[in-house]
């Protein structure tokens, strides 16, 4: 790699890395909340099997019109 390319590339990669770290730190609590809500939703279902839970979820999504 030539010197000019390297001079431009290294700061660019450092910027991308710092942005990704910042976004990951902000997203972690949101993702944790979504996972906890999803676990609570699944555990609150009284369906006896994974198939019944999956069918219930499909019906729920279809009912919302998504």
PDB file of N, CA and C in Angstrom:
ATOM      1  N   UNK A   1       0.853  -1.164   0.000  1.00  0.00           N
ATOM      2  CA  UNK A   1       0.000   0.000   0.000  1.00  0.00           C
ATOM      3  C   UNK A   1       0.902   1.232   0.000  1.00  0.00           C
ATOM      4  N   UNK A   2       0.556   2.211  -0.800  1.00  0.00           N
ATOM      5  CA  UNK A   2       1.411   3.391  -0.833  1.00  0.00           C
ATOM      6  C   UNK A   2       1.147   4.290   0.376  1.00  0.00           C
ATOM      7  N   UNK A   3       2.042   5.219   0.581  1.00  0.00           N
ATOM      8  CA  UNK A   3       2.033   6.043   1.795  1.00  0.00           C
ATOM      9  C   UNK A   3       0.794   6.942   1.892  1.00  0.00           C
ATOM     10  N   UNK A   4       0.368   7.524   0.790  1.00  0.00           N
ATOM     11  CA  UNK A   4      -0.798   8.411   0.806  1.00  0.00           C
ATOM     12  C   UNK A   4      -2.056   7.636   1.168  1.00  0.00           C
ATOM     13  N   UNK A   5      -2.201   6.484   0.607  1.00  0.00           N
ATOM     14  CA  UNK A   5      -3.348   5.645   0.906  1.00  0.00           C
ATOM     15  C   UNK A   5      -3.362   5.258   2.376  1.00  0.00           C
ATOM     16  N   UNK A   6      -2.234   4.920   2.896  1.00  0.00           N
ATOM     17  CA  UNK A   6      -2.141   4.530   4.293  1.00  0.00           C
ATOM     18  C   UNK A   6      -2.430   5.712   5.214  1.00  0.00           C
ATOM     19  N   UNK A   7      -1.962   6.899   4.869  1.00  0.00           N
ATOM     20  CA  UNK A   7      -2.206   8.092   5.683  1.00  0.00           C
ATOM     21  C   UNK A   7      -3.701   8.412   5.757  1.00  0.00           C
ATOM     22  N   UNK A   8      -4.433   8.136   4.704  1.00  0.00           N
ATOM     23  CA  UNK A   8      -5.868   8.380   4.683  1.00  0.00           C
ATOM     24  C   UNK A   8      -6.620   7.238   5.345  1.00  0.00           C
ATOM     25  N   UNK A   9      -6.176   6.035   5.121  1.00  0.00           N
ATOM     26  CA  UNK A   9      -6.889   4.851   5.544  1.00  0.00           C
ATOM     27  C   UNK A   9      -6.882   4.643   7.059  1.00  0.00           C
ATOM     28  N   UNK A  10      -5.756   4.829   7.689  1.00  0.00           N
ATOM     29  CA  UNK A  10      -5.660   4.557   9.127  1.00  0.00           C
ATOM     30  C   UNK A  10      -6.589   5.432   9.958  1.00  0.00           C
ATOM     31  N   UNK A  11      -6.627   6.749   9.755  1.00  0.00           N
ATOM     32  CA  UNK A  11      -7.582   7.562  10.519  1.00  0.00           C
ATOM     33  C   UNK A  11      -9.035   7.191  10.222  1.00  0.00           C
ATOM     34  N   UNK A  12      -9.314   6.814   8.996  1.00  0.00           N
ATOM     35  CA  UNK A  12     -10.672   6.417   8.618  1.00  0.00           C
ATOM     36  C   UNK A  12     -11.086   5.158   9.375  1.00  0.00           C
ATOM     37  N   UNK A  13     -10.219   4.190   9.460  1.00  0.00           N
ATOM     38  CA  UNK A  13     -10.525   2.963  10.188  1.00  0.00           C
ATOM     39  C   UNK A  13     -10.671   3.242  11.680  1.00  0.00           C
ATOM     40  N   UNK A  14      -9.857   4.124  12.202  1.00  0.00           N
ATOM     41  CA  UNK A  14      -9.965   4.485  13.611  1.00  0.00           C
ATOM     42  C   UNK A  14     -11.308   5.171  13.892  1.00  0.00           C
ATOM     43  N   UNK A  15     -11.742   6.042  12.993  1.00  0.00           N
ATOM     44  CA  UNK A  15     -13.036   6.704  13.134  1.00  0.00           C
ATOM     45  C   UNK A  15     -14.172   5.683  13.106  1.00  0.00           C
ATOM     46  N   UNK A  16     -14.143   4.774  12.165  1.00  0.00           N
ATOM     47  CA  UNK A  16     -15.181   3.753  12.079  1.00  0.00           C
ATOM     48  C   UNK A  16     -15.226   2.910  13.349  1.00  0.00           C
ATOM     49  N   UNK A  17     -14.070   2.561  13.856  1.00  0.00           N
ATOM     50  CA  UNK A  17     -13.988   1.743  15.064  1.00  0.00           C
ATOM     51  C   UNK A  17     -14.581   2.490  16.260  1.00  0.00           C
ATOM     52  N   UNK A  18     -14.239   3.760  16.412  1.00  0.00           N
ATOM     53  CA  UNK A  18     -14.757   4.521  17.547  1.00  0.00           C
ATOM     54  C   UNK A  18     -16.267   4.730  17.428  1.00  0.00           C
ATOM     55  N   UNK A  19     -16.768   4.950  16.222  1.00  0.00           N
ATOM     56  CA  UNK A  19     -18.215   5.087  16.029  1.00  0.00           C
ATOM     57  C   UNK A  19     -18.941   3.786  16.356  1.00  0.00           C
ATOM     58  N   UNK A  20     -18.387   2.674  15.925  1.00  0.00           N
ATOM     59  CA  UNK A  20     -19.003   1.379  16.192  1.00  0.00           C
ATOM     60  C   UNK A  20     -19.025   1.095  17.691  1.00  0.00           C
ATOM     61  N   UNK A  21     -17.960   1.426  18.388  1.00  0.00           N
ATOM     62  CA  UNK A  21     -17.929   1.212  19.836  1.00  0.00           C
ATOM     63  C   UNK A  21     -18.968   2.077  20.536  1.00  0.00           C
ATOM     64  N   UNK A  22     -19.115   3.310  20.090  1.00  0.00           N
ATOM     65  CA  UNK A  22     -20.113   4.200  20.678  1.00  0.00           C
ATOM     66  C   UNK A  22     -21.522   3.704  20.455  1.00  0.00           C
ATOM     67  N   UNK A  23     -21.802   3.235  19.247  1.00  0.00           N
ATOM     68  CA  UNK A  23     -23.135   2.713  18.955  1.00  0.00           C
ATOM     69  C   UNK A  23     -23.419   1.435  19.724  1.00  0.00           C
ATOM     70  N   UNK A  24     -22.422   0.594  19.867  1.00  0.00           N
ATOM     71  CA  UNK A  24     -22.608  -0.651  20.617  1.00  0.00           C
ATOM     72  C   UNK A  24     -22.925  -0.358  22.071  1.00  0.00           C
ATOM     73  N   UNK A  25     -22.261   0.638  22.645  1.00  0.00           N
ATOM     74  CA  UNK A  25     -22.511   0.993  24.040  1.00  0.00           C
ATOM     75  C   UNK A  25     -23.924   1.539  24.213  1.00  0.00           C
ATOM     76  N   UNK A  26     -24.413   2.279  23.241  1.00  0.00           N
ATOM     77  CA  UNK A  26     -25.770   2.825  23.323  1.00  0.00           C
ATOM     78  C   UNK A  26     -26.822   1.755  23.071  1.00  0.00           C
ATOM     79  N   UNK A  27     -26.531   0.810  22.215  1.00  0.00           N
ATOM     80  CA  UNK A  27     -27.511  -0.203  21.837  1.00  0.00           C
ATOM     81  C   UNK A  27     -27.631  -1.318  22.868  1.00  0.00           C
ATOM     82  N   UNK A  28     -26.612  -1.552  23.666  1.00  0.00           N
ATOM     83  CA  UNK A  28     -26.620  -2.671  24.608  1.00  0.00           C
ATOM     84  C   UNK A  28     -27.820  -2.641  25.557  1.00  0.00           C
ATOM     85  N   UNK A  29     -28.141  -1.523  26.213  1.00  0.00           N
ATOM     86  CA  UNK A  29     -29.309  -1.522  27.098  1.00  0.00           C
ATOM     87  C   UNK A  29     -30.622  -1.749  26.344  1.00  0.00           C
ATOM     88  N   UNK A  30     -30.723  -1.202  25.145  1.00  0.00           N
ATOM     89  CA  UNK A  30     -31.925  -1.388  24.346  1.00  0.00           C
ATOM     90  C   UNK A  30     -32.112  -2.853  23.979  1.00  0.00           C
ATOM     91  N   UNK A  31     -31.048  -3.480  23.528  1.00  0.00           N
ATOM     92  CA  UNK A  31     -31.118  -4.895  23.149  1.00  0.00           C
ATOM     93  C   UNK A  31     -31.446  -5.758  24.365  1.00  0.00           C
ATOM     94  N   UNK A  32     -30.839  -5.444  25.497  1.00  0.00           N
ATOM     95  CA  UNK A  32     -31.116  -6.206  26.718  1.00  0.00           C
ATOM     96  C   UNK A  32     -32.588  -6.079  27.101  1.00  0.00           C
ATOM     97  N   UNK A  33     -33.143  -4.886  26.968  1.00  0.00           N
ATOM     98  CA  UNK A  33     -34.561  -4.683  27.272  1.00  0.00           C
ATOM     99  C   UNK A  33     -35.468  -5.461  26.341  1.00  0.00           C
ATOM    100  N   UNK A  34     -35.128  -5.483  25.070  1.00  0.00           N
ATOM    101  CA  UNK A  34     -35.926  -6.227  24.092  1.00  0.00           C
ATOM    102  C   UNK A  34     -35.881  -7.716  24.402  1.00  0.00           C
ATOM    103  N   UNK A  35     -34.704  -8.221  24.726  1.00  0.00           N
ATOM    104  CA  UNK A  35     -34.564  -9.647  25.035  1.00  0.00           C
ATOM    105  C   UNK A  35     -35.368  -9.997  26.285  1.00  0.00           C
ATOM    106  N   UNK A  36     -35.285  -9.162  27.315  1.00  0.00           N
ATOM    107  CA  UNK A  36     -36.031  -9.433  28.550  1.00  0.00           C
ATOM    108  C   UNK A  36     -37.535  -9.398  28.294  1.00  0.00           C
ATOM    109  N   UNK A  37     -38.000  -8.437  27.497  1.00  0.00           N
ATOM    110  CA  UNK A  37     -39.424  -8.347  27.185  1.00  0.00           C
ATOM    111  C   UNK A  37     -39.878  -9.571  26.402  1.00  0.00           C
ATOM    112  N   UNK A  38     -39.052 -10.012  25.476  1.00  0.00           N
ATOM    113  CA  UNK A  38     -39.401 -11.183  24.668  1.00  0.00           C
ATOM    114  C   UNK A  38     -39.451 -12.447  25.522  1.00  0.00           C
ATOM    115  N   UNK A  39     -38.489 -12.591  26.436  1.00  0.00           N
ATOM    116  CA  UNK A  39     -38.502 -13.751  27.326  1.00  0.00           C
ATOM    117  C   UNK A  39     -39.742 -13.744  28.205  1.00  0.00           C
ATOM    118  N   UNK A  40     -40.117 -12.577  28.711  1.00  0.00           N
ATOM    119  CA  UNK A  40     -41.310 -12.472  29.542  1.00  0.00           C
ATOM    120  C   UNK A  40     -42.557 -12.820  28.740  1.00  0.00           C
ATOM    121  N   UNK A  41     -42.601 -12.383  27.505  1.00  0.00           N
ATOM    122  CA  UNK A  41     -43.748 -12.667  26.647  1.00  0.00           C
ATOM    123  C   UNK A  41     -43.862 -14.172  26.386  1.00  0.00           C
ATOM    124  N   UNK A  42     -42.751 -14.800  26.076  1.00  0.00           N
ATOM    125  CA  UNK A  42     -42.764 -16.235  25.785  1.00  0.00           C
ATOM    126  C   UNK A  42     -43.102 -17.030  27.034  1.00  0.00           C
ATOM    127  N   UNK A  43     -42.554 -16.646  28.178  1.00  0.00           N
ATOM    128  CA  UNK A  43     -42.816 -17.408  29.401  1.00  0.00           C
ATOM    129  C   UNK A  43     -44.237 -17.213  29.892  1.00  0.00           C
ATOM    130  N   UNK A  44     -44.895 -16.103  29.511  1.00  0.00           N
ATOM    131  CA  UNK A  44     -46.256 -15.878  29.963  1.00  0.00           C
ATOM    132  C   UNK A  44     -47.285 -16.641  29.126  1.00  0.00           C
ATOM    133  N   UNK A  45     -46.876 -17.162  28.002  1.00  0.00           N
ATOM    134  CA  UNK A  45     -47.796 -17.935  27.174  1.00  0.00           C
ATOM    135  C   UNK A  45     -48.107 -19.261  27.844  1.00  0.00           C
ATOM    136  N   UNK A  46     -49.334 -19.664  27.740  1.00  0.00           N
ATOM    137  CA  UNK A  46     -49.716 -20.933  28.354  1.00  0.00           C
ATOM    138  C   UNK A  46     -49.728 -22.070  27.341  1.00  0.00           C
ATOM    139  N   UNK A  47     -49.162 -21.823  26.187  1.00  0.00           N
ATOM    140  CA  UNK A  47     -49.132 -22.850  25.152  1.00  0.00           C
ATOM    141  C   UNK A  47     -48.222 -23.999  25.581  1.00  0.00           C
ATOM    142  N   UNK A  48     -48.648 -25.234  25.355  1.00  0.00           N
ATOM    143  CA  UNK A  48     -47.891 -26.378  25.839  1.00  0.00           C
ATOM    144  C   UNK A  48     -46.663 -26.751  24.997  1.00  0.00           C
ATOM    145  N   UNK A  49     -46.555 -26.273  23.795  1.00  0.00           N
ATOM    146  CA  UNK A  49     -45.435 -26.705  22.957  1.00  0.00           C
ATOM    147  C   UNK A  49     -44.875 -25.538  22.151  1.00  0.00           C
ATOM    148  N   UNK A  50     -43.718 -25.758  21.574  1.00  0.00           N
ATOM    149  CA  UNK A  50     -43.093 -24.724  20.752  1.00  0.00           C
ATOM    150  C   UNK A  50     -43.935 -24.435  19.522  1.00  0.00           C
ATOM    151  N   UNK A  51     -44.622 -25.448  18.996  1.00  0.00           N
ATOM    152  CA  UNK A  51     -45.441 -25.265  17.809  1.00  0.00           C
ATOM    153  C   UNK A  51     -46.640 -24.372  18.117  1.00  0.00           C
ATOM    154  N   UNK A  52     -47.260 -24.599  19.257  1.00  0.00           N
ATOM    155  CA  UNK A  52     -48.398 -23.768  19.646  1.00  0.00           C
ATOM    156  C   UNK A  52     -47.950 -22.329  19.890  1.00  0.00           C
ATOM    157  N   UNK A  53     -46.776 -22.143  20.499  1.00  0.00           N
ATOM    158  CA  UNK A  53     -46.254 -20.793  20.722  1.00  0.00           C
ATOM    159  C   UNK A  53     -45.964 -20.105  19.393  1.00  0.00           C
ATOM    160  N   UNK A  54     -45.394 -20.839  18.445  1.00  0.00           N
ATOM    161  CA  UNK A  54     -45.090 -20.258  17.135  1.00  0.00           C
ATOM    162  C   UNK A  54     -46.366 -19.861  16.409  1.00  0.00           C
ATOM    163  N   UNK A  55     -47.367 -20.717  16.461  1.00  0.00           N
ATOM    164  CA  UNK A  55     -48.644 -20.393  15.815  1.00  0.00           C
ATOM    165  C   UNK A  55     -49.299 -19.184  16.475  1.00  0.00           C
ATOM    166  N   UNK A  56     -49.223 -19.106  17.788  1.00  0.00           N
ATOM    167  CA  UNK A  56     -49.791 -17.962  18.502  1.00  0.00           C
ATOM    168  C   UNK A  56     -49.076 -16.679  18.103  1.00  0.00           C
ATOM    169  N   UNK A  57     -47.765 -16.749  17.933  1.00  0.00           N
ATOM    170  CA  UNK A  57     -47.000 -15.567  17.544  1.00  0.00           C
ATOM    171  C   UNK A  57     -47.379 -15.131  16.134  1.00  0.00           C
ATOM    172  N   UNK A  58     -47.552 -16.074  15.227  1.00  0.00           N
ATOM    173  CA  UNK A  58     -47.945 -15.739  13.856  1.00  0.00           C
ATOM    174  C   UNK A  58     -49.323 -15.084  13.866  1.00  0.00           C
ATOM    175  N   UNK A  59     -50.237 -15.600  14.669  1.00  0.00           N
ATOM    176  CA  UNK A  59     -51.573 -15.014  14.750  1.00  0.00           C
ATOM    177  C   UNK A  59     -51.511 -13.604  15.336  1.00  0.00           C
ATOM    178  N   UNK A  60     -50.651 -13.405  16.322  1.00  0.00           N
ATOM    179  CA  UNK A  60     -50.504 -12.096  16.940  1.00  0.00           C
ATOM    180  C   UNK A  60     -49.966 -11.087  15.922  1.00  0.00           C
ATOM    181  N   UNK A  61     -48.964 -11.471  15.159  1.00  0.00           N
ATOM    182  CA  UNK A  61     -48.397 -10.579  14.144  1.00  0.00           C
ATOM    183  C   UNK A  61     -49.425 -10.302  13.051  1.00  0.00           C
ATOM    184  N   UNK A  62     -50.149 -11.331  12.637  1.00  0.00           N
ATOM    185  CA  UNK A  62     -51.159 -11.154  11.599  1.00  0.00           C
ATOM    186  C   UNK A  62     -52.282 -10.237  12.097  1.00  0.00           C
ATOM    187  N   UNK A  63     -52.596 -10.312  13.376  1.00  0.00           N
ATOM    188  CA  UNK A  63     -53.629  -9.458  13.939  1.00  0.00           C
ATOM    189  C   UNK A  63     -53.226  -7.994  13.974  1.00  0.00           C
ATOM    190  N   UNK A  64     -51.937  -7.728  14.055  1.00  0.00           N
ATOM    191  CA  UNK A  64     -51.448  -6.352  14.060  1.00  0.00           C
ATOM    192  C   UNK A  64     -51.354  -5.784  12.655  1.00  0.00           C
ATOM    193  N   UNK A  65     -51.471  -6.627  11.669  1.00  0.00           N
ATOM    194  CA  UNK A  65     -51.404  -6.170  10.292  1.00  0.00           C
ATOM    195  C   UNK A  65     -49.994  -5.886   9.808  1.00  0.00           C
ATOM    196  N   UNK A  66     -49.003  -6.572  10.357  1.00  0.00           N
ATOM    197  CA  UNK A  66     -47.615  -6.333   9.937  1.00  0.00           C
ATOM    198  C   UNK A  66     -47.258  -7.171   8.771  1.00  0.00           C
TER     199      UNK A  66
END
